[in-house]
Amino acid sequence: MKMIARGSLGVLMTCVAGAVGAVGAPAAAAGEHVPVALPPLEGLEHAVPVDPPALRAGAPVLVPGALEAPRYKEGRLLPAEVLPRLPVSGELAPTHAALPLPHPLSDREAGTARVTAPVSELVAATPGADLALPLTAPRADGFGLPGLALPEAGLISPELRGTPGAALGLH
């Protein structure tokens, strides 16, 4: 291998490693959420005579969980949930918003309206499906042949659990 090819390969590997490190670094540094940088709302002050609000937030990193083992019921040929629900967990990032409020009668500020939401856990499960075949289990009185039954199909609703909270104040 020529020296130029080795150097090019080394530069390529360094760039790939740097890109992978840059993508994974914010998620690892912030825990289970990625900070979201919002551009300043400087154009707002030209349209509306107020100071622009400040906003800090984050996007949750959802981590899929393990599927449950199939559960069989007596008299059914398929498990209880043919398409199982996938559990997903994460946390909602802390959010801070501040808006300076002008005084209605003078040029000074009346205060700052602040909204703060702390970190809160988020647990979800995707929808699932349940299906029962139009056959029963083999019967002894039918010479080991299955009997006929009404077909059954259903959707299992998705689930979302969390305890988000927020505090609103004027400072």
N, C-alpha and C. Protein backbone atom coordinates (compact mmCIF):
# COMPACT_ATOMS: atom_id res chain seq x y z
N MET A 1 0.85 -1.16 0.00
CA MET A 1 0.00 0.00 0.00
C MET A 1 0.90 1.23 0.00
N LYS A 2 0.60 2.19 -0.85
CA LYS A 2 1.40 3.39 -0.95
C LYS A 2 1.18 4.27 0.27
N MET A 3 2.14 5.16 0.48
CA MET A 3 2.08 6.06 1.62
C MET A 3 0.89 7.02 1.50
N ILE A 4 0.56 7.47 0.28
CA ILE A 4 -0.58 8.37 0.08
C ILE A 4 -1.88 7.65 0.43
N ALA A 5 -2.02 6.41 0.03
CA ALA A 5 -3.23 5.65 0.34
C ALA A 5 -3.37 5.42 1.84
N ARG A 6 -2.24 5.15 2.52
CA ARG A 6 -2.28 4.96 3.97
C ARG A 6 -2.69 6.25 4.68
N GLY A 7 -2.15 7.36 4.23
CA GLY A 7 -2.50 8.64 4.83
C GLY A 7 -3.96 8.99 4.61
N SER A 8 -4.46 8.73 3.40
CA SER A 8 -5.87 9.01 3.10
C SER A 8 -6.78 8.13 3.94
N LEU A 9 -6.39 6.85 4.09
CA LEU A 9 -7.18 5.95 4.91
C LEU A 9 -7.17 6.39 6.37
N GLY A 10 -6.03 6.85 6.87
CA GLY A 10 -5.94 7.34 8.25
C GLY A 10 -6.81 8.57 8.47
N VAL A 11 -6.80 9.50 7.51
CA VAL A 11 -7.62 10.70 7.62
C VAL A 11 -9.11 10.33 7.59
N LEU A 12 -9.47 9.40 6.72
CA LEU A 12 -10.87 8.96 6.64
C LEU A 12 -11.32 8.33 7.94
N MET A 13 -10.51 7.46 8.52
CA MET A 13 -10.87 6.80 9.78
C MET A 13 -10.98 7.82 10.92
N THR A 14 -10.10 8.82 10.92
CA THR A 14 -10.17 9.85 11.95
C THR A 14 -11.46 10.66 11.83
N CYS A 15 -11.84 11.00 10.60
CA CYS A 15 -13.08 11.76 10.39
C CYS A 15 -14.30 10.95 10.82
N VAL A 16 -14.32 9.66 10.48
CA VAL A 16 -15.45 8.80 10.87
C VAL A 16 -15.52 8.68 12.39
N ALA A 17 -14.38 8.47 13.04
CA ALA A 17 -14.37 8.36 14.50
C ALA A 17 -14.81 9.66 15.16
N GLY A 18 -14.39 10.79 14.61
CA GLY A 18 -14.79 12.08 15.16
C GLY A 18 -16.29 12.31 14.99
N ALA A 19 -16.83 11.92 13.84
CA ALA A 19 -18.26 12.09 13.60
C ALA A 19 -19.08 11.22 14.54
N VAL A 20 -18.65 9.98 14.74
CA VAL A 20 -19.36 9.08 15.65
C VAL A 20 -19.27 9.60 17.08
N GLY A 21 -18.11 10.10 17.48
CA GLY A 21 -17.95 10.65 18.82
C GLY A 21 -18.79 11.90 19.02
N ALA A 22 -18.89 12.74 17.99
CA ALA A 22 -19.68 13.97 18.11
C ALA A 22 -21.16 13.67 18.19
N VAL A 23 -21.63 12.64 17.50
CA VAL A 23 -23.04 12.29 17.55
C VAL A 23 -23.39 11.69 18.90
N GLY A 24 -22.55 10.84 19.45
CA GLY A 24 -22.85 10.17 20.71
C GLY A 24 -22.55 11.00 21.93
N ALA A 25 -21.74 12.04 21.81
CA ALA A 25 -21.31 12.80 22.97
C ALA A 25 -22.44 13.56 23.67
N PRO A 26 -23.34 14.28 22.96
CA PRO A 26 -24.36 15.02 23.69
C PRO A 26 -25.30 14.12 24.48
N ALA A 27 -25.67 12.97 23.92
CA ALA A 27 -26.57 12.06 24.64
C ALA A 27 -25.89 11.49 25.87
N ALA A 28 -24.62 11.16 25.75
CA ALA A 28 -23.92 10.59 26.89
C ALA A 28 -23.66 11.65 27.95
N ALA A 29 -23.43 12.89 27.53
CA ALA A 29 -23.11 13.94 28.48
C ALA A 29 -24.32 14.40 29.27
N ALA A 30 -25.50 14.38 28.67
CA ALA A 30 -26.67 14.93 29.31
C ALA A 30 -27.53 13.89 30.02
N GLY A 31 -27.17 12.65 30.03
CA GLY A 31 -27.99 11.62 30.66
C GLY A 31 -28.90 10.99 29.64
N GLU A 32 -30.21 11.06 29.89
CA GLU A 32 -31.17 10.44 28.99
C GLU A 32 -31.93 11.47 28.16
N HIS A 33 -31.35 12.61 27.94
CA HIS A 33 -31.94 13.59 27.05
C HIS A 33 -30.83 14.37 26.35
N VAL A 34 -31.15 14.87 25.19
CA VAL A 34 -30.20 15.62 24.38
C VAL A 34 -30.60 17.09 24.44
N PRO A 35 -29.67 17.97 24.84
CA PRO A 35 -30.04 19.39 24.88
C PRO A 35 -30.33 19.91 23.48
N VAL A 36 -31.36 20.73 23.38
CA VAL A 36 -31.74 21.32 22.11
C VAL A 36 -31.41 22.81 22.17
N ALA A 37 -30.54 23.24 21.27
CA ALA A 37 -30.18 24.66 21.21
C ALA A 37 -31.16 25.36 20.28
N LEU A 38 -31.90 26.30 20.84
CA LEU A 38 -32.86 27.05 20.04
C LEU A 38 -32.23 28.37 19.62
N PRO A 39 -32.40 28.75 18.37
CA PRO A 39 -31.81 30.02 17.93
C PRO A 39 -32.45 31.18 18.67
N PRO A 40 -31.69 32.23 18.90
CA PRO A 40 -32.29 33.39 19.59
C PRO A 40 -33.40 34.00 18.75
N LEU A 41 -34.39 34.49 19.42
CA LEU A 41 -35.55 35.07 18.76
C LEU A 41 -35.36 36.58 18.61
N GLU A 42 -34.22 36.97 18.03
CA GLU A 42 -33.90 38.39 17.92
C GLU A 42 -34.79 39.11 16.93
N GLY A 43 -35.33 38.44 15.94
CA GLY A 43 -36.20 39.08 14.97
C GLY A 43 -37.53 39.48 15.57
N LEU A 44 -37.89 38.88 16.69
CA LEU A 44 -39.16 39.16 17.34
C LEU A 44 -39.22 40.59 17.88
N GLU A 45 -38.11 41.10 18.38
CA GLU A 45 -38.12 42.43 18.98
C GLU A 45 -38.35 43.54 17.95
N HIS A 46 -38.13 43.26 16.67
CA HIS A 46 -38.41 44.26 15.64
C HIS A 46 -39.90 44.28 15.29
N ALA A 47 -40.57 43.16 15.44
CA ALA A 47 -41.99 43.08 15.11
C ALA A 47 -42.87 43.46 16.29
N VAL A 48 -42.48 43.05 17.48
CA VAL A 48 -43.25 43.32 18.69
C VAL A 48 -42.32 44.06 19.65
N PRO A 49 -42.77 45.11 20.29
CA PRO A 49 -41.86 45.89 21.16
C PRO A 49 -41.63 45.25 22.53
N VAL A 50 -41.16 44.02 22.55
CA VAL A 50 -40.80 43.34 23.79
C VAL A 50 -39.44 42.68 23.61
N ASP A 51 -38.80 42.40 24.72
CA ASP A 51 -37.54 41.66 24.66
C ASP A 51 -37.82 40.22 24.27
N PRO A 52 -36.90 39.58 23.55
CA PRO A 52 -37.16 38.18 23.14
C PRO A 52 -37.12 37.24 24.34
N PRO A 53 -37.91 36.18 24.31
CA PRO A 53 -37.90 35.21 25.41
C PRO A 53 -36.65 34.34 25.34
N ALA A 54 -36.28 33.79 26.48
CA ALA A 54 -35.18 32.83 26.55
C ALA A 54 -35.79 31.45 26.76
N LEU A 55 -35.28 30.46 26.05
CA LEU A 55 -35.85 29.12 26.12
C LEU A 55 -34.73 28.09 26.08
N ARG A 56 -34.72 27.17 27.05
CA ARG A 56 -33.81 26.03 27.07
C ARG A 56 -34.64 24.78 27.24
N ALA A 57 -34.39 23.79 26.40
CA ALA A 57 -35.17 22.55 26.45
C ALA A 57 -34.28 21.40 25.99
N GLY A 58 -34.87 20.24 25.90
CA GLY A 58 -34.14 19.05 25.46
C GLY A 58 -35.09 18.04 24.84
N ALA A 59 -34.54 17.14 24.08
CA ALA A 59 -35.32 16.07 23.45
C ALA A 59 -35.03 14.77 24.18
N PRO A 60 -36.07 13.99 24.51
CA PRO A 60 -35.82 12.73 25.22
C PRO A 60 -35.15 11.70 24.32
N VAL A 61 -34.29 10.88 24.92
CA VAL A 61 -33.70 9.74 24.23
C VAL A 61 -34.47 8.52 24.70
N LEU A 62 -35.26 7.95 23.80
CA LEU A 62 -36.09 6.81 24.16
C LEU A 62 -35.31 5.52 24.04
N VAL A 63 -35.38 4.70 25.07
CA VAL A 63 -34.66 3.43 25.13
C VAL A 63 -35.67 2.29 25.07
N PRO A 64 -35.61 1.44 24.03
CA PRO A 64 -36.57 0.33 23.97
C PRO A 64 -36.25 -0.73 25.03
N GLY A 65 -37.30 -1.32 25.55
CA GLY A 65 -37.14 -2.37 26.55
C GLY A 65 -37.26 -3.75 25.92
N ALA A 66 -37.32 -4.76 26.77
CA ALA A 66 -37.41 -6.14 26.31
C ALA A 66 -38.88 -6.54 26.15
N LEU A 67 -39.15 -7.34 25.15
CA LEU A 67 -40.51 -7.85 24.93
C LEU A 67 -40.84 -8.91 25.97
N GLU A 68 -42.11 -9.02 26.30
CA GLU A 68 -42.55 -10.07 27.22
C GLU A 68 -42.59 -11.40 26.50
N ALA A 69 -42.43 -12.48 27.25
CA ALA A 69 -42.52 -13.82 26.68
C ALA A 69 -43.98 -14.09 26.28
N PRO A 70 -44.20 -14.89 25.23
CA PRO A 70 -45.59 -15.18 24.83
C PRO A 70 -46.34 -15.92 25.93
N ARG A 71 -47.61 -15.53 26.11
CA ARG A 71 -48.47 -16.17 27.11
C ARG A 71 -49.56 -16.93 26.37
N TYR A 72 -49.66 -18.19 26.64
CA TYR A 72 -50.68 -19.03 26.00
C TYR A 72 -51.85 -19.22 26.94
N LYS A 73 -53.05 -19.20 26.39
CA LYS A 73 -54.26 -19.46 27.17
C LYS A 73 -54.81 -20.81 26.75
N GLU A 74 -55.47 -21.46 27.68
CA GLU A 74 -56.02 -22.78 27.40
C GLU A 74 -57.12 -22.67 26.34
N GLY A 75 -57.06 -23.54 25.35
CA GLY A 75 -58.06 -23.56 24.30
C GLY A 75 -57.71 -22.69 23.09
N ARG A 76 -56.60 -21.99 23.12
CA ARG A 76 -56.20 -21.14 21.99
C ARG A 76 -54.94 -21.69 21.36
N LEU A 77 -54.84 -21.57 20.05
CA LEU A 77 -53.67 -22.08 19.34
C LEU A 77 -52.56 -21.03 19.24
N LEU A 78 -52.90 -19.76 19.33
CA LEU A 78 -51.91 -18.69 19.26
C LEU A 78 -51.72 -18.07 20.64
N PRO A 79 -50.59 -17.43 20.88
CA PRO A 79 -50.40 -16.76 22.18
C PRO A 79 -51.39 -15.60 22.34
N ALA A 80 -51.48 -15.09 23.57
CA ALA A 80 -52.46 -14.05 23.88
C ALA A 80 -52.22 -12.78 23.08
N GLU A 81 -51.01 -12.35 22.90
CA GLU A 81 -50.72 -11.17 22.10
C GLU A 81 -49.85 -11.61 20.92
N VAL A 82 -50.44 -11.66 19.73
CA VAL A 82 -49.69 -12.09 18.56
C VAL A 82 -48.62 -11.05 18.22
N LEU A 83 -49.00 -9.78 18.26
CA LEU A 83 -48.06 -8.68 18.08
C LEU A 83 -47.89 -8.02 19.43
N PRO A 84 -46.80 -8.33 20.16
CA PRO A 84 -46.65 -7.80 21.52
C PRO A 84 -46.34 -6.30 21.51
N ARG A 85 -46.62 -5.67 22.62
CA ARG A 85 -46.32 -4.25 22.79
C ARG A 85 -44.84 -4.10 23.16
N LEU A 86 -44.19 -3.10 22.58
CA LEU A 86 -42.78 -2.83 22.87
C LEU A 86 -42.70 -1.73 23.91
N PRO A 87 -42.13 -2.03 25.09
CA PRO A 87 -41.99 -0.98 26.10
C PRO A 87 -40.83 -0.05 25.75
N VAL A 88 -41.04 1.24 25.98
CA VAL A 88 -40.05 2.27 25.71
C VAL A 88 -40.00 3.18 26.93
N SER A 89 -38.79 3.56 27.34
CA SER A 89 -38.67 4.46 28.49
C SER A 89 -37.66 5.56 28.19
N GLY A 90 -37.75 6.60 28.95
CA GLY A 90 -36.85 7.73 28.80
C GLY A 90 -37.20 8.77 29.86
N GLU A 91 -36.69 9.97 29.68
CA GLU A 91 -37.04 11.04 30.59
C GLU A 91 -37.24 12.33 29.81
N LEU A 92 -38.21 13.10 30.28
CA LEU A 92 -38.44 14.41 29.68
C LEU A 92 -37.39 15.36 30.23
N ALA A 93 -36.76 16.11 29.36
CA ALA A 93 -35.68 17.00 29.75
C ALA A 93 -36.22 18.20 30.52
N PRO A 94 -35.38 18.79 31.35
CA PRO A 94 -35.83 20.01 32.03
C PRO A 94 -36.01 21.14 31.02
N THR A 95 -37.04 21.94 31.23
CA THR A 95 -37.33 23.05 30.33
C THR A 95 -37.41 24.33 31.14
N HIS A 96 -36.77 25.36 30.62
CA HIS A 96 -36.78 26.67 31.27
C HIS A 96 -37.13 27.71 30.22
N ALA A 97 -38.15 28.51 30.50
CA ALA A 97 -38.54 29.59 29.60
C ALA A 97 -38.70 30.86 30.43
N ALA A 98 -38.21 31.95 29.89
CA ALA A 98 -38.30 33.24 30.58
C ALA A 98 -38.69 34.31 29.57
N LEU A 99 -39.66 35.15 29.94
CA LEU A 99 -40.13 36.22 29.07
C LEU A 99 -40.17 37.51 29.87
N PRO A 100 -39.33 38.47 29.51
CA PRO A 100 -39.39 39.77 30.21
C PRO A 100 -40.70 40.48 29.87
N LEU A 101 -41.38 40.98 30.90
CA LEU A 101 -42.66 41.66 30.71
C LEU A 101 -42.48 43.17 30.85
N PRO A 102 -42.91 43.95 29.88
CA PRO A 102 -42.78 45.41 30.01
C PRO A 102 -43.88 45.96 30.93
N HIS A 103 -43.58 47.05 31.57
CA HIS A 103 -44.56 47.71 32.42
C HIS A 103 -45.52 48.48 31.50
N PRO A 104 -46.83 48.39 31.71
CA PRO A 104 -47.76 49.03 30.78
C PRO A 104 -47.75 50.56 30.82
N LEU A 105 -47.29 51.16 31.93
CA LEU A 105 -47.36 52.61 32.05
C LEU A 105 -46.01 53.31 31.98
N SER A 106 -44.91 52.56 31.98
CA SER A 106 -43.60 53.20 31.93
C SER A 106 -42.66 52.38 31.04
N ASP A 107 -41.40 52.84 30.93
CA ASP A 107 -40.43 52.15 30.09
C ASP A 107 -39.66 51.05 30.83
N ARG A 108 -39.87 50.90 32.10
CA ARG A 108 -39.14 49.87 32.84
C ARG A 108 -39.85 48.52 32.75
N GLU A 109 -39.14 47.47 33.17
CA GLU A 109 -39.72 46.12 33.14
C GLU A 109 -40.58 45.89 34.37
N ALA A 110 -41.69 45.18 34.18
CA ALA A 110 -42.56 44.81 35.30
C ALA A 110 -42.07 43.55 35.98
N GLY A 111 -41.24 42.78 35.32
CA GLY A 111 -40.72 41.53 35.86
C GLY A 111 -40.48 40.55 34.73
N THR A 112 -40.23 39.32 35.11
CA THR A 112 -39.98 38.26 34.13
C THR A 112 -40.88 37.08 34.45
N ALA A 113 -41.65 36.67 33.47
CA ALA A 113 -42.48 35.47 33.62
C ALA A 113 -41.60 34.26 33.34
N ARG A 114 -41.59 33.31 34.26
CA ARG A 114 -40.75 32.12 34.11
C ARG A 114 -41.60 30.86 34.22
N VAL A 115 -41.28 29.91 33.35
CA VAL A 115 -41.89 28.58 33.40
C VAL A 115 -40.73 27.59 33.50
N THR A 116 -40.78 26.74 34.50
CA THR A 116 -39.74 25.75 34.71
C THR A 116 -40.39 24.38 34.87
N ALA A 117 -39.92 23.43 34.09
CA ALA A 117 -40.40 22.05 34.20
C ALA A 117 -39.20 21.17 34.54
N PRO A 118 -39.26 20.43 35.65
CA PRO A 118 -38.12 19.57 36.02
C PRO A 118 -38.08 18.30 35.18
N VAL A 119 -37.02 17.54 35.38
CA VAL A 119 -36.88 16.25 34.71
C VAL A 119 -37.97 15.32 35.22
N SER A 120 -38.61 14.59 34.32
CA SER A 120 -39.62 13.62 34.73
C SER A 120 -39.50 12.36 33.88
N GLU A 121 -39.76 11.24 34.52
CA GLU A 121 -39.63 9.94 33.85
C GLU A 121 -40.81 9.72 32.91
N LEU A 122 -40.54 9.06 31.80
CA LEU A 122 -41.55 8.78 30.79
C LEU A 122 -41.48 7.30 30.44
N VAL A 123 -42.61 6.59 30.53
CA VAL A 123 -42.69 5.18 30.19
C VAL A 123 -43.83 5.01 29.20
N ALA A 124 -43.57 4.33 28.10
CA ALA A 124 -44.58 4.15 27.07
C ALA A 124 -44.54 2.72 26.56
N ALA A 125 -45.58 2.32 25.90
CA ALA A 125 -45.64 1.02 25.24
C ALA A 125 -46.37 1.20 23.91
N THR A 126 -45.83 0.60 22.87
CA THR A 126 -46.43 0.72 21.54
C THR A 126 -47.73 -0.10 21.50
N PRO A 127 -48.59 0.15 20.53
CA PRO A 127 -49.80 -0.67 20.41
C PRO A 127 -49.46 -2.12 20.05
N GLY A 128 -50.34 -3.01 20.37
CA GLY A 128 -50.17 -4.42 20.05
C GLY A 128 -51.43 -4.95 19.37
N ALA A 129 -51.39 -6.22 19.03
CA ALA A 129 -52.55 -6.84 18.38
C ALA A 129 -52.78 -8.22 18.97
N ASP A 130 -54.04 -8.60 19.02
CA ASP A 130 -54.44 -9.90 19.52
C ASP A 130 -55.28 -10.57 18.43
N LEU A 131 -55.04 -11.85 18.22
CA LEU A 131 -55.74 -12.57 17.16
C LEU A 131 -55.99 -14.00 17.62
N ALA A 132 -57.20 -14.46 17.44
CA ALA A 132 -57.54 -15.85 17.76
C ALA A 132 -58.03 -16.51 16.47
N LEU A 133 -57.46 -17.67 16.19
CA LEU A 133 -57.85 -18.40 14.98
C LEU A 133 -59.27 -18.94 15.10
N PRO A 134 -59.94 -19.17 13.98
CA PRO A 134 -61.31 -19.69 14.04
C PRO A 134 -61.33 -21.20 14.32
N LEU A 135 -60.29 -21.72 14.95
CA LEU A 135 -60.21 -23.14 15.30
C LEU A 135 -59.95 -23.26 16.79
N THR A 136 -60.46 -24.30 17.39
CA THR A 136 -60.18 -24.58 18.79
C THR A 136 -59.05 -25.60 18.86
N ALA A 137 -58.62 -25.89 20.07
CA ALA A 137 -57.59 -26.91 20.26
C ALA A 137 -58.18 -28.28 19.89
N PRO A 138 -57.33 -29.23 19.55
CA PRO A 138 -57.86 -30.57 19.23
C PRO A 138 -58.68 -31.13 20.39
N ARG A 139 -59.81 -31.76 20.04
CA ARG A 139 -60.72 -32.29 21.05
C ARG A 139 -60.70 -33.82 21.02
N ALA A 140 -60.83 -34.40 22.19
CA ALA A 140 -60.85 -35.86 22.28
C ALA A 140 -62.15 -36.43 21.70
N ASP A 141 -63.27 -35.73 21.87
CA ASP A 141 -64.53 -36.24 21.36
C ASP A 141 -64.68 -36.04 19.86
N GLY A 142 -63.78 -35.31 19.24
CA GLY A 142 -63.82 -35.10 17.79
C GLY A 142 -62.71 -35.84 17.09
N PHE A 143 -62.22 -36.93 17.66
CA PHE A 143 -61.15 -37.76 17.09
C PHE A 143 -59.85 -36.98 16.89
N GLY A 144 -59.61 -36.01 17.79
CA GLY A 144 -58.37 -35.24 17.73
C GLY A 144 -58.39 -34.10 16.74
N LEU A 145 -59.52 -33.83 16.14
CA LEU A 145 -59.63 -32.72 15.18
C LEU A 145 -60.06 -31.44 15.92
N PRO A 146 -59.60 -30.29 15.44
CA PRO A 146 -60.03 -29.05 16.09
C PRO A 146 -61.47 -28.71 15.72
N GLY A 147 -62.13 -27.97 16.59
CA GLY A 147 -63.49 -27.52 16.31
C GLY A 147 -63.48 -26.11 15.74
N LEU A 148 -64.63 -25.67 15.31
CA LEU A 148 -64.75 -24.32 14.77
C LEU A 148 -65.14 -23.34 15.88
N ALA A 149 -64.62 -22.13 15.78
CA ALA A 149 -64.94 -21.08 16.74
C ALA A 149 -65.04 -19.76 15.99
N LEU A 150 -65.62 -18.79 16.62
CA LEU A 150 -65.70 -17.47 16.01
C LEU A 150 -64.30 -16.83 16.02
N PRO A 151 -63.88 -16.24 14.91
CA PRO A 151 -62.58 -15.56 14.91
C PRO A 151 -62.63 -14.31 15.78
N GLU A 152 -61.51 -14.01 16.39
CA GLU A 152 -61.42 -12.84 17.26
C GLU A 152 -60.17 -12.05 16.86
N ALA A 153 -60.31 -10.75 16.81
CA ALA A 153 -59.18 -9.86 16.53
C ALA A 153 -59.37 -8.60 17.35
N GLY A 154 -58.28 -8.07 17.83
CA GLY A 154 -58.36 -6.85 18.62
C GLY A 154 -57.05 -6.11 18.64
N LEU A 155 -57.14 -4.83 18.93
CA LEU A 155 -55.96 -4.00 19.08
C LEU A 155 -55.77 -3.70 20.56
N ILE A 156 -54.53 -3.72 20.98
CA ILE A 156 -54.19 -3.39 22.35
C ILE A 156 -53.71 -1.95 22.34
N SER A 157 -54.33 -1.13 23.15
CA SER A 157 -54.06 0.31 23.11
C SER A 157 -52.64 0.63 23.57
N PRO A 158 -52.09 1.72 23.03
CA PRO A 158 -50.77 2.15 23.49
C PRO A 158 -50.88 2.71 24.91
N GLU A 159 -49.75 2.83 25.55
CA GLU A 159 -49.73 3.28 26.94
C GLU A 159 -48.68 4.38 27.08
N LEU A 160 -49.00 5.39 27.86
CA LEU A 160 -48.07 6.47 28.14
C LEU A 160 -48.24 6.87 29.60
N ARG A 161 -47.15 6.76 30.37
CA ARG A 161 -47.18 7.11 31.78
C ARG A 161 -46.04 8.08 32.06
N GLY A 162 -46.32 9.05 32.88
CA GLY A 162 -45.30 10.01 33.28
C GLY A 162 -45.87 10.94 34.34
N THR A 163 -45.01 11.68 34.97
CA THR A 163 -45.44 12.65 35.98
C THR A 163 -44.82 14.01 35.67
N PRO A 164 -45.21 14.60 34.55
CA PRO A 164 -44.65 15.91 34.25
C PRO A 164 -45.24 16.98 35.17
N GLY A 165 -44.46 17.96 35.46
CA GLY A 165 -44.91 19.06 36.29
C GLY A 165 -44.22 20.34 35.84
N ALA A 166 -44.79 21.46 36.22
CA ALA A 166 -44.19 22.73 35.84
C ALA A 166 -44.50 23.76 36.91
N ALA A 167 -43.65 24.75 37.00
CA ALA A 167 -43.85 25.86 37.91
C ALA A 167 -43.87 27.15 37.11
N LEU A 168 -44.87 27.97 37.37
CA LEU A 168 -45.03 29.24 36.70
C LEU A 168 -44.86 30.35 37.74
N GLY A 169 -44.07 31.35 37.43
CA GLY A 169 -43.87 32.41 38.39
C GLY A 169 -43.53 33.72 37.71
N LEU A 170 -43.64 34.79 38.50
CA LEU A 170 -43.28 36.13 38.05
C LEU A 170 -42.21 36.64 38.99
N HIS A 171 -41.07 36.97 38.43
CA HIS A 171 -39.93 37.43 39.25
C HIS A 171 -39.55 38.83 38.86
